[in-house]
Amino acid sequence: MTVKSSAKPQPATSLPRAPKEDAGKRSTTYLVMMAIRLVCLGLVLFVTPYSWYTWVFAAMAIFLPYLAVVIANVSADMTAPTALGPERMIEAPAPGQTSASPSPAAPQVIRIDESRQEDAGDD
């Protein structure tokens, strides 16, 4: 038997980030974008003279809540690890080689048939 060597060890599990950690990251992303919205709202109200950039700040203050929710939820999904299949550590014998333990000649099949039993005392 030969053992495969891999450059990177196989993880025991490929579960995604813990829900508490994931919620914290999403909350942080959302709160940063809401802080940017507040700055834009302040710039709309207090920067004079009004010009084209006032409309840009107003548009950002209006559309940032929607974008914040979308970006916070999408960024959480993009960093989630993908599930990894198990790695075969011992190679199977090549076809035609005999293995150490003999296999049975025919597979054993167990069949279970269910039938309805009628009560004999219902005459």
PDB file of N, CA and C in Angstrom:
ATOM      1  N   MET A   1       0.835  -1.173   0.000  1.00  0.00           N
ATOM      2  CA  MET A   1       0.000   0.000   0.000  1.00  0.00           C
ATOM      3  C   MET A   1       0.880   1.236   0.000  1.00  0.00           C
ATOM      4  N   THR A   2       0.494   2.192  -0.819  1.00  0.00           N
ATOM      5  CA  THR A   2       1.215   3.450  -0.840  1.00  0.00           C
ATOM      6  C   THR A   2       0.314   4.542  -0.281  1.00  0.00           C
ATOM      7  N   VAL A   3       0.921   5.482   0.372  1.00  0.00           N
ATOM      8  CA  VAL A   3       0.172   6.577   0.987  1.00  0.00           C
ATOM      9  C   VAL A   3       0.408   7.836   0.170  1.00  0.00           C
ATOM     10  N   LYS A   4      -0.688   8.529  -0.139  1.00  0.00           N
ATOM     11  CA  LYS A   4      -0.586   9.779  -0.884  1.00  0.00           C
ATOM     12  C   LYS A   4      -0.059  10.876   0.033  1.00  0.00           C
ATOM     13  N   SER A   5       0.777  11.703  -0.506  1.00  0.00           N
ATOM     14  CA  SER A   5       1.224  12.857   0.270  1.00  0.00           C
ATOM     15  C   SER A   5       0.590  14.097  -0.332  1.00  0.00           C
ATOM     16  N   SER A   6       0.073  14.954   0.510  1.00  0.00           N
ATOM     17  CA  SER A   6      -0.543  16.181   0.015  1.00  0.00           C
ATOM     18  C   SER A   6       0.235  17.373   0.543  1.00  0.00           C
ATOM     19  N   ALA A   7       0.263  18.428  -0.236  1.00  0.00           N
ATOM     20  CA  ALA A   7       0.999  19.624   0.155  1.00  0.00           C
ATOM     21  C   ALA A   7       0.325  20.326   1.320  1.00  0.00           C
ATOM     22  N   LYS A   8      -0.989  20.271   1.388  1.00  0.00           N
ATOM     23  CA  LYS A   8      -1.742  20.963   2.415  1.00  0.00           C
ATOM     24  C   LYS A   8      -2.544  19.922   3.208  1.00  0.00           C
ATOM     25  N   PRO A   9      -2.556  19.994   4.535  1.00  0.00           N
ATOM     26  CA  PRO A   9      -3.299  18.999   5.289  1.00  0.00           C
ATOM     27  C   PRO A   9      -4.802  19.120   5.047  1.00  0.00           C
ATOM     28  N   GLN A  10      -5.466  17.995   5.063  1.00  0.00           N
ATOM     29  CA  GLN A  10      -6.912  17.954   4.868  1.00  0.00           C
ATOM     30  C   GLN A  10      -7.600  18.478   6.125  1.00  0.00           C
ATOM     31  N   PRO A  11      -8.499  19.478   6.003  1.00  0.00           N
ATOM     32  CA  PRO A  11      -9.185  19.970   7.193  1.00  0.00           C
ATOM     33  C   PRO A  11     -10.189  18.943   7.704  1.00  0.00           C
ATOM     34  N   ALA A  12     -10.413  18.968   8.996  1.00  0.00           N
ATOM     35  CA  ALA A  12     -11.379  18.050   9.583  1.00  0.00           C
ATOM     36  C   ALA A  12     -12.783  18.404   9.144  1.00  0.00           C
ATOM     37  N   THR A  13     -13.037  19.667   8.918  1.00  0.00           N
ATOM     38  CA  THR A  13     -14.344  20.109   8.468  1.00  0.00           C
ATOM     39  C   THR A  13     -14.193  21.367   7.629  1.00  0.00           C
ATOM     40  N   SER A  14     -15.138  21.602   6.780  1.00  0.00           N
ATOM     41  CA  SER A  14     -15.115  22.817   5.972  1.00  0.00           C
ATOM     42  C   SER A  14     -16.385  23.619   6.242  1.00  0.00           C
ATOM     43  N   LEU A  15     -16.730  23.743   7.499  1.00  0.00           N
ATOM     44  CA  LEU A  15     -17.922  24.492   7.867  1.00  0.00           C
ATOM     45  C   LEU A  15     -17.707  25.983   7.645  1.00  0.00           C
ATOM     46  N   PRO A  16     -18.781  26.701   7.365  1.00  0.00           N
ATOM     47  CA  PRO A  16     -18.643  28.154   7.212  1.00  0.00           C
ATOM     48  C   PRO A  16     -18.383  28.825   8.557  1.00  0.00           C
ATOM     49  N   ARG A  17     -18.177  30.119   8.508  1.00  0.00           N
ATOM     50  CA  ARG A  17     -17.913  30.919   9.698  1.00  0.00           C
ATOM     51  C   ARG A  17     -19.060  30.776  10.697  1.00  0.00           C
ATOM     52  N   ALA A  18     -18.770  30.888  11.977  1.00  0.00           N
ATOM     53  CA  ALA A  18     -19.787  30.799  13.022  1.00  0.00           C
ATOM     54  C   ALA A  18     -20.825  31.903  12.841  1.00  0.00           C
ATOM     55  N   PRO A  19     -22.100  31.637  13.131  1.00  0.00           N
ATOM     56  CA  PRO A  19     -23.138  32.657  12.934  1.00  0.00           C
ATOM     57  C   PRO A  19     -22.872  33.947  13.706  1.00  0.00           C
ATOM     58  N   LYS A  20     -22.335  33.843  14.911  1.00  0.00           N
ATOM     59  CA  LYS A  20     -22.064  35.039  15.708  1.00  0.00           C
ATOM     60  C   LYS A  20     -20.972  35.890  15.043  1.00  0.00           C
ATOM     61  N   GLU A  21     -19.940  35.237  14.541  1.00  0.00           N
ATOM     62  CA  GLU A  21     -18.853  35.947  13.865  1.00  0.00           C
ATOM     63  C   GLU A  21     -19.337  36.553  12.554  1.00  0.00           C
ATOM     64  N   ASP A  22     -20.182  35.817  11.837  1.00  0.00           N
ATOM     65  CA  ASP A  22     -20.719  36.299  10.578  1.00  0.00           C
ATOM     66  C   ASP A  22     -21.612  37.518  10.805  1.00  0.00           C
ATOM     67  N   ALA A  23     -22.449  37.484  11.829  1.00  0.00           N
ATOM     68  CA  ALA A  23     -23.322  38.614  12.129  1.00  0.00           C
ATOM     69  C   ALA A  23     -22.495  39.837  12.533  1.00  0.00           C
ATOM     70  N   GLY A  24     -21.414  39.632  13.257  1.00  0.00           N
ATOM     71  CA  GLY A  24     -20.552  40.749  13.639  1.00  0.00           C
ATOM     72  C   GLY A  24     -19.910  41.422  12.441  1.00  0.00           C
ATOM     73  N   LYS A  25     -19.455  40.636  11.488  1.00  0.00           N
ATOM     74  CA  LYS A  25     -18.832  41.201  10.282  1.00  0.00           C
ATOM     75  C   LYS A  25     -19.853  41.971   9.455  1.00  0.00           C
ATOM     76  N   ARG A  26     -21.055  41.411   9.300  1.00  0.00           N
ATOM     77  CA  ARG A  26     -22.100  42.097   8.547  1.00  0.00           C
ATOM     78  C   ARG A  26     -22.513  43.393   9.234  1.00  0.00           C
ATOM     79  N   SER A  27     -22.632  43.362  10.562  1.00  0.00           N
ATOM     80  CA  SER A  27     -23.005  44.567  11.309  1.00  0.00           C
ATOM     81  C   SER A  27     -21.952  45.657  11.146  1.00  0.00           C
ATOM     82  N   THR A  28     -20.686  45.279  11.204  1.00  0.00           N
ATOM     83  CA  THR A  28     -19.613  46.257  11.046  1.00  0.00           C
ATOM     84  C   THR A  28     -19.657  46.894   9.662  1.00  0.00           C
ATOM     85  N   THR A  29     -19.840  46.094   8.632  1.00  0.00           N
ATOM     86  CA  THR A  29     -19.927  46.618   7.263  1.00  0.00           C
ATOM     87  C   THR A  29     -21.108  47.575   7.129  1.00  0.00           C
ATOM     88  N   TYR A  30     -22.247  47.191   7.669  1.00  0.00           N
ATOM     89  CA  TYR A  30     -23.450  48.020   7.588  1.00  0.00           C
ATOM     90  C   TYR A  30     -23.255  49.340   8.337  1.00  0.00           C
ATOM     91  N   LEU A  31     -22.684  49.278   9.545  1.00  0.00           N
ATOM     92  CA  LEU A  31     -22.513  50.495  10.344  1.00  0.00           C
ATOM     93  C   LEU A  31     -21.519  51.469   9.700  1.00  0.00           C
ATOM     94  N   VAL A  32     -20.486  50.957   9.072  1.00  0.00           N
ATOM     95  CA  VAL A  32     -19.534  51.840   8.375  1.00  0.00           C
ATOM     96  C   VAL A  32     -20.237  52.556   7.228  1.00  0.00           C
ATOM     97  N   MET A  33     -21.049  51.844   6.483  1.00  0.00           N
ATOM     98  CA  MET A  33     -21.754  52.478   5.366  1.00  0.00           C
ATOM     99  C   MET A  33     -22.806  53.466   5.862  1.00  0.00           C
ATOM    100  N   MET A  34     -23.418  53.219   6.995  1.00  0.00           N
ATOM    101  CA  MET A  34     -24.379  54.174   7.548  1.00  0.00           C
ATOM    102  C   MET A  34     -23.663  55.428   8.061  1.00  0.00           C
ATOM    103  N   ALA A  35     -22.448  55.276   8.558  1.00  0.00           N
ATOM    104  CA  ALA A  35     -21.669  56.446   8.965  1.00  0.00           C
ATOM    105  C   ALA A  35     -21.343  57.306   7.741  1.00  0.00           C
ATOM    106  N   ILE A  36     -21.018  56.663   6.615  1.00  0.00           N
ATOM    107  CA  ILE A  36     -20.763  57.400   5.372  1.00  0.00           C
ATOM    108  C   ILE A  36     -22.035  58.126   4.940  1.00  0.00           C
ATOM    109  N   ARG A  37     -23.196  57.498   5.139  1.00  0.00           N
ATOM    110  CA  ARG A  37     -24.469  58.140   4.793  1.00  0.00           C
ATOM    111  C   ARG A  37     -24.699  59.389   5.644  1.00  0.00           C
ATOM    112  N   LEU A  38     -24.397  59.288   6.916  1.00  0.00           N
ATOM    113  CA  LEU A  38     -24.577  60.457   7.780  1.00  0.00           C
ATOM    114  C   LEU A  38     -23.665  61.608   7.367  1.00  0.00           C
ATOM    115  N   VAL A  39     -22.441  61.277   6.963  1.00  0.00           N
ATOM    116  CA  VAL A  39     -21.526  62.310   6.486  1.00  0.00           C
ATOM    117  C   VAL A  39     -22.090  62.957   5.228  1.00  0.00           C
ATOM    118  N   CYS A  40     -22.616  62.157   4.322  1.00  0.00           N
ATOM    119  CA  CYS A  40     -23.205  62.697   3.088  1.00  0.00           C
ATOM    120  C   CYS A  40     -24.404  63.587   3.407  1.00  0.00           C
ATOM    121  N   LEU A  41     -25.231  63.167   4.348  1.00  0.00           N
ATOM    122  CA  LEU A  41     -26.389  63.968   4.737  1.00  0.00           C
ATOM    123  C   LEU A  41     -25.945  65.303   5.341  1.00  0.00           C
ATOM    124  N   GLY A  42     -24.912  65.258   6.179  1.00  0.00           N
ATOM    125  CA  GLY A  42     -24.374  66.493   6.736  1.00  0.00           C
ATOM    126  C   GLY A  42     -23.809  67.416   5.672  1.00  0.00           C
ATOM    127  N   LEU A  43     -23.141  66.845   4.690  1.00  0.00           N
ATOM    128  CA  LEU A  43     -22.599  67.657   3.597  1.00  0.00           C
ATOM    129  C   LEU A  43     -23.711  68.304   2.778  1.00  0.00           C
ATOM    130  N   VAL A  44     -24.826  67.581   2.584  1.00  0.00           N
ATOM    131  CA  VAL A  44     -25.953  68.152   1.848  1.00  0.00           C
ATOM    132  C   VAL A  44     -26.503  69.358   2.597  1.00  0.00           C
ATOM    133  N   LEU A  45     -26.610  69.256   3.902  1.00  0.00           N
ATOM    134  CA  LEU A  45     -27.235  70.316   4.689  1.00  0.00           C
ATOM    135  C   LEU A  45     -26.322  71.513   4.947  1.00  0.00           C
ATOM    136  N   PHE A  46     -25.040  71.298   5.115  1.00  0.00           N
ATOM    137  CA  PHE A  46     -24.172  72.359   5.605  1.00  0.00           C
ATOM    138  C   PHE A  46     -23.174  72.921   4.592  1.00  0.00           C
ATOM    139  N   VAL A  47     -22.977  72.294   3.465  1.00  0.00           N
ATOM    140  CA  VAL A  47     -22.019  72.806   2.483  1.00  0.00           C
ATOM    141  C   VAL A  47     -22.748  73.759   1.542  1.00  0.00           C
ATOM    142  N   THR A  48     -22.250  74.962   1.480  1.00  0.00           N
ATOM    143  CA  THR A  48     -22.816  75.944   0.553  1.00  0.00           C
ATOM    144  C   THR A  48     -21.673  76.518  -0.275  1.00  0.00           C
ATOM    145  N   PRO A  49     -21.812  77.010  -1.413  1.00  0.00           N
ATOM    146  CA  PRO A  49     -23.038  77.157  -2.186  1.00  0.00           C
ATOM    147  C   PRO A  49     -23.450  75.816  -2.787  1.00  0.00           C
ATOM    148  N   TYR A  50     -24.759  75.663  -2.986  1.00  0.00           N
ATOM    149  CA  TYR A  50     -25.279  74.422  -3.541  1.00  0.00           C
ATOM    150  C   TYR A  50     -24.907  74.321  -5.014  1.00  0.00           C
ATOM    151  N   SER A  51     -24.482  73.115  -5.427  1.00  0.00           N
ATOM    152  CA  SER A  51     -24.080  72.908  -6.815  1.00  0.00           C
ATOM    153  C   SER A  51     -24.370  71.456  -7.179  1.00  0.00           C
ATOM    154  N   TRP A  52     -23.726  70.946  -8.229  1.00  0.00           N
ATOM    155  CA  TRP A  52     -23.961  69.566  -8.688  1.00  0.00           C
ATOM    156  C   TRP A  52     -23.542  68.549  -7.641  1.00  0.00           C
ATOM    157  N   TYR A  53     -22.507  68.836  -6.871  1.00  0.00           N
ATOM    158  CA  TYR A  53     -22.040  67.889  -5.861  1.00  0.00           C
ATOM    159  C   TYR A  53     -23.052  67.738  -4.729  1.00  0.00           C
ATOM    160  N   THR A  54     -23.898  68.736  -4.519  1.00  0.00           N
ATOM    161  CA  THR A  54     -24.959  68.611  -3.513  1.00  0.00           C
ATOM    162  C   THR A  54     -25.907  67.479  -3.910  1.00  0.00           C
ATOM    163  N   TRP A  55     -26.208  67.380  -5.199  1.00  0.00           N
ATOM    164  CA  TRP A  55     -27.087  66.300  -5.673  1.00  0.00           C
ATOM    165  C   TRP A  55     -26.410  64.943  -5.542  1.00  0.00           C
ATOM    166  N   VAL A  56     -25.113  64.901  -5.729  1.00  0.00           N
ATOM    167  CA  VAL A  56     -24.374  63.637  -5.558  1.00  0.00           C
ATOM    168  C   VAL A  56     -24.434  63.190  -4.103  1.00  0.00           C
ATOM    169  N   PHE A  57     -24.206  64.118  -3.171  1.00  0.00           N
ATOM    170  CA  PHE A  57     -24.288  63.774  -1.749  1.00  0.00           C
ATOM    171  C   PHE A  57     -25.704  63.339  -1.370  1.00  0.00           C
ATOM    172  N   ALA A  58     -26.726  64.031  -1.926  1.00  0.00           N
ATOM    173  CA  ALA A  58     -28.114  63.678  -1.635  1.00  0.00           C
ATOM    174  C   ALA A  58     -28.441  62.276  -2.167  1.00  0.00           C
ATOM    175  N   ALA A  59     -27.980  61.984  -3.372  1.00  0.00           N
ATOM    176  CA  ALA A  59     -28.225  60.648  -3.946  1.00  0.00           C
ATOM    177  C   ALA A  59     -27.545  59.568  -3.114  1.00  0.00           C
ATOM    178  N   MET A  60     -26.333  59.844  -2.642  1.00  0.00           N
ATOM    179  CA  MET A  60     -25.635  58.860  -1.804  1.00  0.00           C
ATOM    180  C   MET A  60     -26.374  58.667  -0.482  1.00  0.00           C
ATOM    181  N   ALA A  61     -26.887  59.748   0.105  1.00  0.00           N
ATOM    182  CA  ALA A  61     -27.622  59.638   1.357  1.00  0.00           C
ATOM    183  C   ALA A  61     -28.922  58.861   1.178  1.00  0.00           C
ATOM    184  N   ILE A  62     -29.521  58.937  -0.008  1.00  0.00           N
ATOM    185  CA  ILE A  62     -30.777  58.222  -0.264  1.00  0.00           C
ATOM    186  C   ILE A  62     -30.526  56.746  -0.573  1.00  0.00           C
ATOM    187  N   PHE A  63     -29.530  56.434  -1.405  1.00  0.00           N
ATOM    188  CA  PHE A  63     -29.343  55.068  -1.883  1.00  0.00           C
ATOM    189  C   PHE A  63     -28.382  54.220  -1.049  1.00  0.00           C
ATOM    190  N   LEU A  64     -27.624  54.826  -0.155  1.00  0.00           N
ATOM    191  CA  LEU A  64     -26.675  54.038   0.646  1.00  0.00           C
ATOM    192  C   LEU A  64     -27.332  53.015   1.585  1.00  0.00           C
ATOM    193  N   PRO A  65     -28.518  53.258   2.172  1.00  0.00           N
ATOM    194  CA  PRO A  65     -29.114  52.201   3.016  1.00  0.00           C
ATOM    195  C   PRO A  65     -29.360  50.903   2.246  1.00  0.00           C
ATOM    196  N   TYR A  66     -29.884  51.020   1.032  1.00  0.00           N
ATOM    197  CA  TYR A  66     -30.110  49.827   0.212  1.00  0.00           C
ATOM    198  C   TYR A  66     -28.785  49.149  -0.127  1.00  0.00           C
ATOM    199  N   LEU A  67     -27.829  49.924  -0.579  1.00  0.00           N
ATOM    200  CA  LEU A  67     -26.521  49.356  -0.932  1.00  0.00           C
ATOM    201  C   LEU A  67     -25.830  48.743   0.284  1.00  0.00           C
ATOM    202  N   ALA A  68     -26.011  49.344   1.443  1.00  0.00           N
ATOM    203  CA  ALA A  68     -25.375  48.816   2.653  1.00  0.00           C
ATOM    204  C   ALA A  68     -25.891  47.421   2.983  1.00  0.00           C
ATOM    205  N   VAL A  69     -27.181  47.237   2.876  1.00  0.00           N
ATOM    206  CA  VAL A  69     -27.762  45.914   3.161  1.00  0.00           C
ATOM    207  C   VAL A  69     -27.274  44.894   2.133  1.00  0.00           C
ATOM    208  N   VAL A  70     -27.310  45.257   0.871  1.00  0.00           N
ATOM    209  CA  VAL A  70     -26.889  44.326  -0.185  1.00  0.00           C
ATOM    210  C   VAL A  70     -25.416  43.975  -0.041  1.00  0.00           C
ATOM    211  N   ILE A  71     -24.570  44.965   0.148  1.00  0.00           N
ATOM    212  CA  ILE A  71     -23.126  44.714   0.238  1.00  0.00           C
ATOM    213  C   ILE A  71     -22.783  43.917   1.490  1.00  0.00           C
ATOM    214  N   ALA A  72     -23.437  44.207   2.608  1.00  0.00           N
ATOM    215  CA  ALA A  72     -23.165  43.465   3.845  1.00  0.00           C
ATOM    216  C   ALA A  72     -23.535  41.992   3.687  1.00  0.00           C
ATOM    217  N   ASN A  73     -24.649  41.709   3.025  1.00  0.00           N
ATOM    218  CA  ASN A  73     -25.071  40.315   2.862  1.00  0.00           C
ATOM    219  C   ASN A  73     -24.266  39.582   1.798  1.00  0.00           C
ATOM    220  N   VAL A  74     -23.900  40.258   0.722  1.00  0.00           N
ATOM    221  CA  VAL A  74     -23.132  39.612  -0.343  1.00  0.00           C
ATOM    222  C   VAL A  74     -21.697  39.358   0.106  1.00  0.00           C
ATOM    223  N   SER A  75     -21.108  40.298   0.812  1.00  0.00           N
ATOM    224  CA  SER A  75     -19.722  40.108   1.236  1.00  0.00           C
ATOM    225  C   SER A  75     -19.595  38.968   2.224  1.00  0.00           C
ATOM    226  N   ALA A  76     -20.642  38.693   3.003  1.00  0.00           N
ATOM    227  CA  ALA A  76     -20.601  37.575   3.936  1.00  0.00           C
ATOM    228  C   ALA A  76     -20.606  36.250   3.172  1.00  0.00           C
ATOM    229  N   ASP A  77     -21.333  36.178   2.058  1.00  0.00           N
ATOM    230  CA  ASP A  77     -21.409  34.943   1.290  1.00  0.00           C
ATOM    231  C   ASP A  77     -20.153  34.686   0.474  1.00  0.00           C
ATOM    232  N   MET A  78     -19.473  35.724   0.038  1.00  0.00           N
ATOM    233  CA  MET A  78     -18.304  35.540  -0.825  1.00  0.00           C
ATOM    234  C   MET A  78     -17.109  34.978  -0.075  1.00  0.00           C
ATOM    235  N   THR A  79     -17.028  35.227   1.218  1.00  0.00           N
ATOM    236  CA  THR A  79     -15.879  34.748   1.967  1.00  0.00           C
ATOM    237  C   THR A  79     -16.113  33.382   2.601  1.00  0.00           C
ATOM    238  N   ALA A  80     -17.310  32.833   2.454  1.00  0.00           N
ATOM    239  CA  ALA A  80     -17.607  31.528   3.037  1.00  0.00           C
ATOM    240  C   ALA A  80     -16.810  30.448   2.298  1.00  0.00           C
ATOM    241  N   PRO A  81     -16.206  29.523   3.033  1.00  0.00           N
ATOM    242  CA  PRO A  81     -15.432  28.473   2.366  1.00  0.00           C
ATOM    243  C   PRO A  81     -16.354  27.489   1.652  1.00  0.00           C
ATOM    244  N   THR A  82     -15.840  26.891   0.612  1.00  0.00           N
ATOM    245  CA  THR A  82     -16.607  25.867  -0.079  1.00  0.00           C
ATOM    246  C   THR A  82     -16.347  24.526   0.584  1.00  0.00           C
ATOM    247  N   ALA A  83     -17.313  23.653   0.487  1.00  0.00           N
ATOM    248  CA  ALA A  83     -17.170  22.335   1.096  1.00  0.00           C
ATOM    249  C   ALA A  83     -16.100  21.543   0.350  1.00  0.00           C
ATOM    250  N   LEU A  84     -15.272  20.871   1.095  1.00  0.00           N
ATOM    251  CA  LEU A  84     -14.210  20.064   0.513  1.00  0.00           C
ATOM    252  C   LEU A  84     -14.578  18.589   0.608  1.00  0.00           C
ATOM    253  N   GLY A  85     -14.339  17.870  -0.450  1.00  0.00           N
ATOM    254  CA  GLY A  85     -14.570  16.436  -0.423  1.00  0.00           C
ATOM    255  C   GLY A  85     -13.443  15.739   0.322  1.00  0.00           C
ATOM    256  N   PRO A  86     -13.724  14.582   0.887  1.00  0.00           N
ATOM    257  CA  PRO A  86     -12.662  13.871   1.608  1.00  0.00           C
ATOM    258  C   PRO A  86     -11.583  13.395   0.647  1.00  0.00           C
ATOM    259  N   GLU A  87     -10.366  13.433   1.109  1.00  0.00           N
ATOM    260  CA  GLU A  87      -9.236  13.017   0.287  1.00  0.00           C
ATOM    261  C   GLU A  87      -8.931  11.557   0.581  1.00  0.00           C
ATOM    262  N   ARG A  88      -8.716  10.803  -0.448  1.00  0.00           N
ATOM    263  CA  ARG A  88      -8.398   9.397  -0.267  1.00  0.00           C
ATOM    264  C   ARG A  88      -6.928   9.287   0.132  1.00  0.00           C
ATOM    265  N   MET A  89      -6.670   8.705   1.284  1.00  0.00           N
ATOM    266  CA  MET A  89      -5.314   8.642   1.797  1.00  0.00           C
ATOM    267  C   MET A  89      -4.596   7.361   1.363  1.00  0.00           C
ATOM    268  N   ILE A  90      -5.331   6.272   1.155  1.00  0.00           N
ATOM    269  CA  ILE A  90      -4.719   5.003   0.752  1.00  0.00           C
ATOM    270  C   ILE A  90      -5.268   4.649  -0.621  1.00  0.00           C
ATOM    271  N   GLU A  91      -4.373   4.375  -1.529  1.00  0.00           N
ATOM    272  CA  GLU A  91      -4.810   4.047  -2.880  1.00  0.00           C
ATOM    273  C   GLU A  91      -5.386   2.639  -2.917  1.00  0.00           C
ATOM    274  N   ALA A  92      -6.395   2.481  -3.749  1.00  0.00           N
ATOM    275  CA  ALA A  92      -7.012   1.174  -3.937  1.00  0.00           C
ATOM    276  C   ALA A  92      -6.101   0.328  -4.817  1.00  0.00           C
ATOM    277  N   PRO A  93      -6.165  -0.972  -4.682  1.00  0.00           N
ATOM    278  CA  PRO A  93      -5.350  -1.822  -5.552  1.00  0.00           C
ATOM    279  C   PRO A  93      -5.795  -1.673  -7.007  1.00  0.00           C
ATOM    280  N   ALA A  94      -4.858  -1.812  -7.900  1.00  0.00           N
ATOM    281  CA  ALA A  94      -5.158  -1.698  -9.327  1.00  0.00           C
ATOM    282  C   ALA A  94      -6.062  -2.843  -9.755  1.00  0.00           C
ATOM    283  N   PRO A  95      -6.860  -2.629 -10.797  1.00  0.00           N
ATOM    284  CA  PRO A  95      -7.727  -3.710 -11.272  1.00  0.00           C
ATOM    285  C   PRO A  95      -6.889  -4.928 -11.677  1.00  0.00           C
ATOM    286  N   GLY A  96      -7.339  -6.080 -11.285  1.00  0.00           N
ATOM    287  CA  GLY A  96      -6.607  -7.300 -11.591  1.00  0.00           C
ATOM    288  C   GLY A  96      -5.735  -7.767 -10.440  1.00  0.00           C
ATOM    289  N   GLN A  97      -5.378  -6.880  -9.538  1.00  0.00           N
ATOM    290  CA  GLN A  97      -4.600  -7.287  -8.369  1.00  0.00           C
ATOM    291  C   GLN A  97      -5.543  -7.888  -7.340  1.00  0.00           C
ATOM    292  N   THR A  98      -5.021  -8.806  -6.591  1.00  0.00           N
ATOM    293  CA  THR A  98      -5.836  -9.390  -5.534  1.00  0.00           C
ATOM    294  C   THR A  98      -5.617  -8.593  -4.259  1.00  0.00           C
ATOM    295  N   SER A  99      -6.684  -8.382  -3.535  1.00  0.00           N
ATOM    296  CA  SER A  99      -6.569  -7.657  -2.280  1.00  0.00           C
ATOM    297  C   SER A  99      -6.238  -8.638  -1.165  1.00  0.00           C
ATOM    298  N   ALA A 100      -5.931  -8.128  -0.007  1.00  0.00           N
ATOM    299  CA  ALA A 100      -5.528  -8.969   1.115  1.00  0.00           C
ATOM    300  C   ALA A 100      -6.676  -9.827   1.611  1.00  0.00           C
ATOM    301  N   SER A 101      -7.897  -9.318   1.590  1.00  0.00           N
ATOM    302  CA  SER A 101      -9.038 -10.113   2.070  1.00  0.00           C
ATOM    303  C   SER A 101      -9.874 -10.551   0.877  1.00  0.00           C
ATOM    304  N   PRO A 102     -10.218 -11.829   0.811  1.00  0.00           N
ATOM    305  CA  PRO A 102     -11.015 -12.300  -0.323  1.00  0.00           C
ATOM    306  C   PRO A 102     -12.445 -11.770  -0.232  1.00  0.00           C
ATOM    307  N   SER A 103     -13.020 -11.430  -1.377  1.00  0.00           N
ATOM    308  CA  SER A 103     -14.402 -10.960  -1.392  1.00  0.00           C
ATOM    309  C   SER A 103     -15.330 -12.155  -1.590  1.00  0.00           C
ATOM    310  N   PRO A 104     -16.543 -12.097  -1.082  1.00  0.00           N
ATOM    311  CA  PRO A 104     -17.473 -13.212  -1.262  1.00  0.00           C
ATOM    312  C   PRO A 104     -17.842 -13.381  -2.737  1.00  0.00           C
ATOM    313  N   ALA A 105     -18.198 -14.594  -3.109  1.00  0.00           N
ATOM    314  CA  ALA A 105     -18.488 -14.899  -4.507  1.00  0.00           C
ATOM    315  C   ALA A 105     -19.712 -14.129  -4.995  1.00  0.00           C
ATOM    316  N   ALA A 106     -20.754 -14.096  -4.212  1.00  0.00           N
ATOM    317  CA  ALA A 106     -21.972 -13.392  -4.603  1.00  0.00           C
ATOM    318  C   ALA A 106     -22.398 -12.489  -3.446  1.00  0.00           C
ATOM    319  N   PRO A 107     -22.886 -11.322  -3.745  1.00  0.00           N
ATOM    320  CA  PRO A 107     -23.332 -10.449  -2.659  1.00  0.00           C
ATOM    321  C   PRO A 107     -24.577 -11.009  -1.985  1.00  0.00           C
ATOM    322  N   GLN A 108     -24.647 -10.802  -0.708  1.00  0.00           N
ATOM    323  CA  GLN A 108     -25.812 -11.260   0.046  1.00  0.00           C
ATOM    324  C   GLN A 108     -26.860 -10.168   0.027  1.00  0.00           C
ATOM    325  N   VAL A 109     -28.062 -10.544  -0.346  1.00  0.00           N
ATOM    326  CA  VAL A 109     -29.156  -9.590  -0.429  1.00  0.00           C
ATOM    327  C   VAL A 109     -30.231 -10.024   0.547  1.00  0.00           C
ATOM    328  N   ILE A 110     -30.668  -9.115   1.346  1.00  0.00           N
ATOM    329  CA  ILE A 110     -31.748  -9.394   2.298  1.00  0.00           C
ATOM    330  C   ILE A 110     -32.980  -8.670   1.791  1.00  0.00           C
ATOM    331  N   ARG A 111     -34.057  -9.416   1.603  1.00  0.00           N
ATOM    332  CA  ARG A 111     -35.299  -8.821   1.135  1.00  0.00           C
ATOM    333  C   ARG A 111     -36.351  -8.948   2.219  1.00  0.00           C
ATOM    334  N   ILE A 112     -37.086  -7.894   2.397  1.00  0.00           N
ATOM    335  CA  ILE A 112     -38.167  -7.892   3.369  1.00  0.00           C
ATOM    336  C   ILE A 112     -39.448  -7.594   2.612  1.00  0.00           C
ATOM    337  N   ASP A 113     -40.382  -8.529   2.664  1.00  0.00           N
ATOM    338  CA  ASP A 113     -41.677  -8.331   2.031  1.00  0.00           C
ATOM    339  C   ASP A 113     -42.715  -8.141   3.127  1.00  0.00           C
ATOM    340  N   GLU A 114     -43.516  -7.122   2.976  1.00  0.00           N
ATOM    341  CA  GLU A 114     -44.565  -6.868   3.942  1.00  0.00           C
ATOM    342  C   GLU A 114     -45.890  -7.250   3.318  1.00  0.00           C
ATOM    343  N   SER A 115     -46.719  -7.907   4.095  1.00  0.00           N
ATOM    344  CA  SER A 115     -48.049  -8.254   3.615  1.00  0.00           C
ATOM    345  C   SER A 115     -49.049  -7.945   4.718  1.00  0.00           C
ATOM    346  N   ARG A 116     -50.269  -7.674   4.302  1.00  0.00           N
ATOM    347  CA  ARG A 116     -51.309  -7.322   5.248  1.00  0.00           C
ATOM    348  C   ARG A 116     -51.890  -8.593   5.831  1.00  0.00           C
ATOM    349  N   GLN A 117     -51.975  -8.634   7.144  1.00  0.00           N
ATOM    350  CA  GLN A 117     -52.584  -9.798   7.806  1.00  0.00           C
ATOM    351  C   GLN A 117     -54.000  -9.431   8.189  1.00  0.00           C
ATOM    352  N   GLU A 118     -54.895 -10.331   7.819  1.00  0.00           N
ATOM    353  CA  GLU A 118     -56.284 -10.098   8.171  1.00  0.00           C
ATOM    354  C   GLU A 118     -56.571 -10.835   9.472  1.00  0.00           C
ATOM    355  N   ASP A 119     -57.400 -10.185  10.287  1.00  0.00           N
ATOM    356  CA  ASP A 119     -57.766 -10.807  11.562  1.00  0.00           C
ATOM    357  C   ASP A 119     -58.729 -11.957  11.318  1.00  0.00           C
ATOM    358  N   ALA A 120     -58.490 -13.088  11.992  1.00  0.00           N
ATOM    359  CA  ALA A 120     -59.313 -14.275  11.821  1.00  0.00           C
ATOM    360  C   ALA A 120     -60.608 -14.181  12.626  1.00  0.00           C
ATOM    361  N   GLY A 121     -60.684 -13.340  13.622  1.00  0.00           N
ATOM    362  CA  GLY A 121     -61.856 -13.284  14.496  1.00  0.00           C
ATOM    363  C   GLY A 121     -62.914 -12.292  14.048  1.00  0.00           C
ATOM    364  N   ASP A 122     -62.876 -11.765  12.831  1.00  0.00           N
ATOM    365  CA  ASP A 122     -63.859 -10.781  12.376  1.00  0.00           C
ATOM    366  C   ASP A 122     -65.012 -11.408  11.615  1.00  0.00           C
ATOM    367  N   ASP A 123     -65.295 -12.685  11.761  1.00  0.00           N
ATOM    368  CA  ASP A 123     -66.378 -13.335  10.998  1.00  0.00           C
ATOM    369  C   ASP A 123     -67.699 -12.886  11.426  1.00  0.00           C
TER     370      ASP A 123
END
